[in-house]
C-alpha atoms as a PDB file:
ATOM      1  CA  MET A   1      48.949-120.907  23.060  1.00  0.00           C
ATOM      2  CA  ARG A   2      51.171-119.295  20.851  1.00  0.00           C
ATOM      3  CA  ARG A   3      50.479-115.727  19.210  1.00  0.00           C
ATOM      4  CA  THR A   4      51.741-115.334  16.197  1.00  0.00           C
ATOM      5  CA  LYS A   5      53.091-111.973  14.844  1.00  0.00           C
ATOM      6  CA  VAL A   6      51.721-109.786  11.948  1.00  0.00           C
ATOM      7  CA  ILE A   7      54.358-108.497   9.419  1.00  0.00           C
ATOM      8  CA  PRO A   8      52.893-105.774   7.464  1.00  0.00           C
ATOM      9  CA  TYR A   9      53.264-105.254   3.679  1.00  0.00           C
ATOM     10  CA  LYS A  10      56.579-103.757   2.406  1.00  0.00           C
ATOM     11  CA  ARG A  11      54.186-100.514   1.291  1.00  0.00           C
ATOM     12  CA  GLN A  12      52.884 -99.760   4.995  1.00  0.00           C
ATOM     13  CA  LEU A  13      56.060-100.548   6.792  1.00  0.00           C
ATOM     14  CA  ARG A  14      58.095 -97.730   4.510  1.00  0.00           C
ATOM     15  CA  HIS A  15      55.042 -95.449   4.578  1.00  0.00           C
ATOM     16  CA  LYS A  16      54.016 -95.621   1.731  1.00  0.00           C
ATOM     17  CA  THR A  17      50.668 -96.911   1.609  1.00  0.00           C
ATOM     18  CA  ASN A  18      47.751 -96.856   4.200  1.00  0.00           C
ATOM     19  CA  TYR A  19      46.084 -99.945   3.432  1.00  0.00           C
ATOM     20  CA  ARG A  20      42.905 -99.118   5.824  1.00  0.00           C
ATOM     21  CA  ARG A  21      42.563 -95.705   3.579  1.00  0.00           C
ATOM     22  CA  ARG A  22      42.688 -97.779   0.295  1.00  0.00           C
ATOM     23  CA  MET A  23      40.710 -99.865   1.335  1.00  0.00           C
ATOM     24  CA  ASN A  24      37.735 -97.592   1.795  1.00  0.00           C
ATOM     25  CA  LEU A  25      38.286 -95.683  -1.664  1.00  0.00           C
ATOM     26  CA  LEU A  26      38.400 -99.079  -3.598  1.00  0.00           C
ATOM     27  CA  ALA A  27      34.622 -99.833  -1.576  1.00  0.00           C
ATOM     28  CA  GLY A  28      32.547 -97.543  -3.512  1.00  0.00           C
ATOM     29  CA  ASN A  29      33.843 -99.260  -7.179  1.00  0.00           C
ATOM     30  CA  VAL A  30      34.710 -95.972  -8.616  1.00  0.00           C
ATOM     31  CA  PRO A  31      37.868 -94.576 -10.425  1.00  0.00           C
ATOM     32  CA  ARG A  32      39.968 -92.556  -8.053  1.00  0.00           C
ATOM     33  CA  LEU A  33      41.456 -89.373  -8.625  1.00  0.00           C
ATOM     34  CA  VAL A  34      44.867 -89.983  -7.359  1.00  0.00           C
ATOM     35  CA  VAL A  35      46.509 -86.501  -7.143  1.00  0.00           C
ATOM     36  CA  ARG A  36      50.699 -86.350  -5.799  1.00  0.00           C
ATOM     37  CA  LYS A  37      52.558 -83.159  -5.290  1.00  0.00           C
ATOM     38  CA  SER A  38      56.129 -82.624  -5.476  1.00  0.00           C
ATOM     39  CA  ILE A  39      58.058 -79.575  -5.399  1.00  0.00           C
ATOM     40  CA  ASN A  40      58.303 -78.614  -9.157  1.00  0.00           C
ATOM     41  CA  ASN A  41      55.314 -80.885 -10.585  1.00  0.00           C
ATOM     42  CA  ILE A  42      52.021 -81.871  -9.926  1.00  0.00           C
ATOM     43  CA  ASN A  43      50.618 -84.922 -11.186  1.00  0.00           C
ATOM     44  CA  ALA A  44      46.956 -86.353 -11.453  1.00  0.00           C
ATOM     45  CA  GLN A  45      45.678 -89.870 -12.366  1.00  0.00           C
ATOM     46  CA  LEU A  46      42.110 -91.448 -12.741  1.00  0.00           C
ATOM     47  CA  VAL A  47      42.993 -94.909 -11.579  1.00  0.00           C
ATOM     48  CA  ASN A  48      40.898 -98.251 -11.635  1.00  0.00           C
ATOM     49  CA  PHE A  49      41.774-100.992  -9.536  1.00  0.00           C
ATOM     50  CA  GLY A  50      41.986-104.755 -11.341  1.00  0.00           C
ATOM     51  CA  GLN A  51      42.745-107.665 -10.470  1.00  0.00           C
ATOM     52  CA  LYS A  52      45.638-107.651 -11.524  1.00  0.00           C
ATOM     53  CA  GLY A  53      46.319-104.006  -9.763  1.00  0.00           C
ATOM     54  CA  ASP A  54      45.758-100.414 -10.940  1.00  0.00           C
ATOM     55  CA  HIS A  55      44.809 -99.344 -14.006  1.00  0.00           C
ATOM     56  CA  ILE A  56      45.383 -95.697 -15.156  1.00  0.00           C
ATOM     57  CA  VAL A  57      42.686 -94.289 -17.275  1.00  0.00           C
ATOM     58  CA  ALA A  58      43.752 -90.850 -18.126  1.00  0.00           C
ATOM     59  CA  SER A  59      46.407 -89.007 -17.178  1.00  0.00           C
ATOM     60  CA  ALA A  60      47.832 -85.187 -16.324  1.00  0.00           C
ATOM     61  CA  HIS A  61      51.153 -83.547 -15.493  1.00  0.00           C
ATOM     62  CA  SER A  62      51.978 -80.093 -14.650  1.00  0.00           C
ATOM     63  CA  THR A  63      54.414 -79.710 -17.542  1.00  0.00           C
ATOM     64  CA  GLU A  64      51.632 -80.300 -20.309  1.00  0.00           C
ATOM     65  CA  LEU A  65      50.786 -76.494 -19.275  1.00  0.00           C
ATOM     66  CA  ARG A  66      53.585 -75.923 -20.735  1.00  0.00           C
ATOM     67  CA  LYS A  67      52.590 -76.338 -23.790  1.00  0.00           C
ATOM     68  CA  TYR A  68      49.511 -73.658 -23.599  1.00  0.00           C
ATOM     69  CA  GLY A  69      52.255 -71.681 -23.046  1.00  0.00           C
ATOM     70  CA  TRP A  70      52.222 -71.225 -19.083  1.00  0.00           C
ATOM     71  CA  LYS A  71      55.661 -69.904 -18.011  1.00  0.00           C
ATOM     72  CA  TYR A  72      54.987 -69.809 -13.556  1.00  0.00           C
ATOM     73  CA  SER A  73      55.904 -72.490 -11.341  1.00  0.00           C
ATOM     74  CA  LEU A  74      54.161 -75.833 -12.233  1.00  0.00           C
ATOM     75  CA  SER A  75      53.186 -76.583  -8.785  1.00  0.00           C
ATOM     76  CA  ASN A  76      51.423 -73.385  -7.325  1.00  0.00           C
ATOM     77  CA  THR A  77      47.381 -73.127  -6.737  1.00  0.00           C
ATOM     78  CA  PRO A  78      46.667 -71.998 -10.533  1.00  0.00           C
ATOM     79  CA  SER A  79      48.482 -74.726 -12.044  1.00  0.00           C
ATOM     80  CA  ALA A  80      46.966 -77.201 -10.147  1.00  0.00           C
ATOM     81  CA  TYR A  81      43.734 -75.747 -11.415  1.00  0.00           C
ATOM     82  CA  LEU A  82      45.057 -76.111 -14.531  1.00  0.00           C
ATOM     83  CA  THR A  83      46.068 -79.446 -14.771  1.00  0.00           C
ATOM     84  CA  GLY A  84      42.311 -80.421 -12.790  1.00  0.00           C
ATOM     85  CA  LEU A  85      40.846 -78.857 -16.097  1.00  0.00           C
ATOM     86  CA  LEU A  86      43.135 -80.571 -17.890  1.00  0.00           C
ATOM     87  CA  LEU A  87      42.226 -84.114 -16.587  1.00  0.00           C
ATOM     88  CA  GLY A  88      38.711 -83.395 -16.201  1.00  0.00           C
ATOM     89  CA  HIS A  89      38.636 -82.993 -20.119  1.00  0.00           C
ATOM     90  CA  LYS A  90      40.585 -85.826 -20.199  1.00  0.00           C
ATOM     91  CA  ALA A  91      38.175 -87.255 -18.334  1.00  0.00           C
ATOM     92  CA  ALA A  92      35.079 -87.032 -20.027  1.00  0.00           C
ATOM     93  CA  TYR A  93      36.768 -88.194 -23.454  1.00  0.00           C
ATOM     94  CA  CYS A  94      36.989 -91.529 -22.138  1.00  0.00           C
ATOM     95  CA  ASN A  95      32.755 -91.385 -21.007  1.00  0.00           C
ATOM     96  CA  ILE A  96      34.409 -91.201 -17.045  1.00  0.00           C
ATOM     97  CA  LYS A  97      32.124 -89.511 -15.419  1.00  0.00           C
ATOM     98  CA  LYS A  98      32.129 -89.547 -11.177  1.00  0.00           C
ATOM     99  CA  ALA A  99      35.759 -90.628  -9.304  1.00  0.00           C
ATOM    100  CA  VAL A 100      36.698 -90.156  -6.054  1.00  0.00           C
ATOM    101  CA  LEU A 101      40.027 -88.099  -4.610  1.00  0.00           C
ATOM    102  CA  ASP A 102      42.813 -90.124  -3.207  1.00  0.00           C
ATOM    103  CA  LEU A 103      45.096 -87.802  -1.462  1.00  0.00           C
ATOM    104  CA  GLY A 104      47.321 -90.598  -0.597  1.00  0.00           C
ATOM    105  CA  LEU A 105      49.410 -90.028   2.565  1.00  0.00           C
ATOM    106  CA  SER A 106      49.518 -85.898   2.232  1.00  0.00           C
ATOM    107  CA  ARG A 107      47.154 -84.021   4.799  1.00  0.00           C
ATOM    108  CA  SER A 108      44.169 -83.365   3.946  1.00  0.00           C
ATOM    109  CA  VAL A 109      44.598 -79.133   3.989  1.00  0.00           C
ATOM    110  CA  SER A 110      42.064 -76.368   3.010  1.00  0.00           C
ATOM    111  CA  GLY A 111      42.580 -74.450  -0.014  1.00  0.00           C
ATOM    112  CA  SER A 112      46.033 -76.757  -0.633  1.00  0.00           C
ATOM    113  CA  THR A 113      47.180 -77.011  -3.642  1.00  0.00           C
ATOM    114  CA  PRO A 114      45.358 -80.577  -4.405  1.00  0.00           C
ATOM    115  CA  TYR A 115      41.576 -79.185  -3.683  1.00  0.00           C
ATOM    116  CA  ALA A 116      42.747 -76.690  -6.169  1.00  0.00           C
ATOM    117  CA  LEU A 117      42.996 -79.728  -8.782  1.00  0.00           C
ATOM    118  CA  LEU A 118      40.139 -81.197  -7.577  1.00  0.00           C
ATOM    119  CA  LYS A 119      38.128 -77.520  -8.330  1.00  0.00           C
ATOM    120  CA  GLY A 120      39.676 -78.105 -12.333  1.00  0.00           C
ATOM    121  CA  ALA A 121      38.288 -81.613 -12.305  1.00  0.00           C
ATOM    122  CA  LEU A 122      35.165 -80.307 -10.869  1.00  0.00           C
ATOM    123  CA  ASP A 123      34.520 -77.476 -13.152  1.00  0.00           C
ATOM    124  CA  ALA A 124      34.810 -79.651 -16.161  1.00  0.00           C
ATOM    125  CA  GLY A 125      32.171 -81.823 -15.026  1.00  0.00           C
ATOM    126  CA  LEU A 126      33.814 -84.699 -12.772  1.00  0.00           C
ATOM    127  CA  ASP A 127      31.542 -85.553 -10.274  1.00  0.00           C
ATOM    128  CA  ILE A 128      33.555 -86.272  -7.202  1.00  0.00           C
ATOM    129  CA  PRO A 129      31.542 -85.752  -3.512  1.00  0.00           C
ATOM    130  CA  HIS A 130      33.617 -82.962  -1.478  1.00  0.00           C
ATOM    131  CA  SER A 131      33.053 -80.591   1.186  1.00  0.00           C
ATOM    132  CA  LYS A 132      33.037 -76.888   0.128  1.00  0.00           C
ATOM    133  CA  ASP A 133      34.680 -75.463   2.802  1.00  0.00           C
ATOM    134  CA  MET A 134      38.190 -77.307   1.905  1.00  0.00           C
ATOM    135  CA  LEU A 135      37.874 -75.449  -1.934  1.00  0.00           C
ATOM    136  CA  PRO A 136      40.922 -72.437  -2.360  1.00  0.00           C
ATOM    137  CA  ASP A 137      38.634 -69.158  -3.471  1.00  0.00           C
ATOM    138  CA  GLU A 138      38.687 -67.965  -6.548  1.00  0.00           C
ATOM    139  CA  SER A 139      42.050 -65.485  -5.543  1.00  0.00           C
ATOM    140  CA  ARG A 140      43.524 -68.008  -4.498  1.00  0.00           C
ATOM    141  CA  ILE A 141      42.941 -70.031  -7.941  1.00  0.00           C
ATOM    142  CA  LEU A 142      43.683 -66.797 -10.017  1.00  0.00           C
ATOM    143  CA  GLY A 143      47.092 -66.570  -8.236  1.00  0.00           C
ATOM    144  CA  LYS A 144      46.629 -63.051  -6.595  1.00  0.00           C
ATOM    145  CA  HIS A 145      48.077 -64.098  -3.059  1.00  0.00           C
ATOM    146  CA  ILE A 146      51.117 -64.837  -5.147  1.00  0.00           C
ATOM    147  CA  VAL A 147      51.046 -61.264  -6.866  1.00  0.00           C
ATOM    148  CA  GLU A 148      50.523 -60.350  -3.233  1.00  0.00           C
ATOM    149  CA  TYR A 149      53.064 -62.275  -1.962  1.00  0.00           C
ATOM    150  CA  SER A 150      56.098 -61.396  -4.800  1.00  0.00           C
ATOM    151  CA  LYS A 151      54.972 -57.377  -3.726  1.00  0.00           C
ATOM    152  CA  HIS A 152      56.729 -57.879   0.002  1.00  0.00           C
ATOM    153  CA  ALA A 153      59.535 -60.393  -0.660  1.00  0.00           C
ATOM    154  CA  LYS A 154      63.450 -60.882  -0.604  1.00  0.00           C
ATOM    155  CA  LEU A 155      64.671 -59.884  -4.247  1.00  0.00           C
ATOM    156  CA  HIS A 156      66.636 -64.084  -4.192  1.00  0.00           C
ATOM    157  CA  GLN A 157      62.753 -65.404  -4.158  1.00  0.00           C
ATOM    158  CA  PHE A 158      61.840 -64.549  -7.455  1.00  0.00           C
ATOM    159  CA  SER A 159      65.104 -63.889  -9.205  1.00  0.00           C
ATOM    160  CA  HIS A 160      64.667 -66.528 -11.636  1.00  0.00           C
ATOM    161  CA  TYR A 161      61.276 -64.672 -12.583  1.00  0.00           C
ATOM    162  CA  LYS A 162      63.132 -61.635 -13.017  1.00  0.00           C
ATOM    163  CA  LYS A 163      66.297 -63.019 -15.167  1.00  0.00           C
ATOM    164  CA  GLU A 164      63.614 -64.659 -17.577  1.00  0.00           C
ATOM    165  CA  ASN A 165      62.227 -61.053 -17.675  1.00  0.00           C
ATOM    166  CA  ILE A 166      58.631 -62.675 -16.637  1.00  0.00           C
ATOM    167  CA  ALA A 167      56.159 -60.080 -14.726  1.00  0.00           C
ATOM    168  CA  LEU A 168      54.747 -62.271 -11.796  1.00  0.00           C
ATOM    169  CA  ALA A 169      51.499 -59.788 -11.642  1.00  0.00           C
ATOM    170  CA  ASP A 170      50.030 -61.077 -14.924  1.00  0.00           C
ATOM    171  CA  ILE A 171      49.707 -64.504 -13.468  1.00  0.00           C
ATOM    172  CA  PRO A 172      45.665 -63.712 -12.977  1.00  0.00           C
ATOM    173  CA  GLN A 173      45.791 -62.845 -16.853  1.00  0.00           C
ATOM    174  CA  GLU A 174      48.350 -65.340 -18.105  1.00  0.00           C
ATOM    175  CA  PHE A 175      45.702 -67.866 -15.991  1.00  0.00           C
ATOM    176  CA  ASP A 176      42.546 -66.538 -18.459  1.00  0.00           C
ATOM    177  CA  HIS A 177      44.687 -67.668 -21.235  1.00  0.00           C
ATOM    178  CA  ILE A 178      45.407 -70.643 -20.692  1.00  0.00           C
ATOM    179  CA  LYS A 179      42.330 -71.417 -19.287  1.00  0.00           C
ATOM    180  CA  SER A 180      40.723 -70.717 -21.822  1.00  0.00           C
ATOM    181  CA  LYS A 181      42.792 -72.477 -24.240  1.00  0.00           C
ATOM    182  CA  ILE A 182      42.642 -75.586 -22.412  1.00  0.00           C
ATOM    183  CA  LEU A 183      39.021 -74.932 -23.149  1.00  0.00           C
ATOM    184  CA  LYS A 184      38.472 -74.287 -26.833  1.00  0.00           C
ATOM    185  CA  GLU A 185      41.230 -76.578 -27.319  1.00  0.00           C
ATOM    186  CA  GLU A 186      39.058 -79.706 -25.654  1.00  0.00           C
ATOM    187  CA  HIS A 187      35.781 -78.454 -27.135  1.00  0.00           C
ATOM    188  CA  GLY A 188      37.036 -78.746 -30.607  1.00  0.00           C
ATOM    189  CA  LYS A 189      38.766 -82.834 -29.532  1.00  0.00           C
ATOM    190  CA  LYS A 190      34.615 -83.216 -28.614  1.00  0.00           C
ATOM    191  CA  GLU A 191      33.641 -82.019 -32.313  1.00  0.00           C
ATOM    192  CA  ARG A 192      36.111 -84.312 -33.825  1.00  0.00           C
ATOM    193  CA  LYS A 193      34.842 -87.075 -31.687  1.00  0.00           C
END
């Protein structure tokens, strides 16, 4: 008896999709909160599965924080939280109340930026199953760890901010300011709706 060789899908061969994990996420029949982080940005999407493929219901990109006045990195913990907060409010606008976290092939690390984004989405009102141990603490979300690190870092590491005359010590205050702007704008959208 001859055995037939099973050829995996192209995305599986290229290590872009874990189909077993994907099928487990789709089994819940709720939108997936897809979080993808690059070196410079963070992208978050609420995705529904359909017969013809995935359908993006709402999305938020960390570059959107620039219009609120965020001057710092778009891929750090505070910007991840703010992006999650933005996405959570967009989800509420689309009447999405539940989701499940989809990290793709990235490793699950406690307190990392995808979990900061998750915390922002939770604070915006999304119901997402999670373990509280995985969420970053408040000081990391405020960016206090960045301020502490910058005091002891080499000069060239934060030279961009020095050239632009941006004080890293102001990250926690700037974070609170941007957060209140997002909340105020989203509250205004709900009232107009």
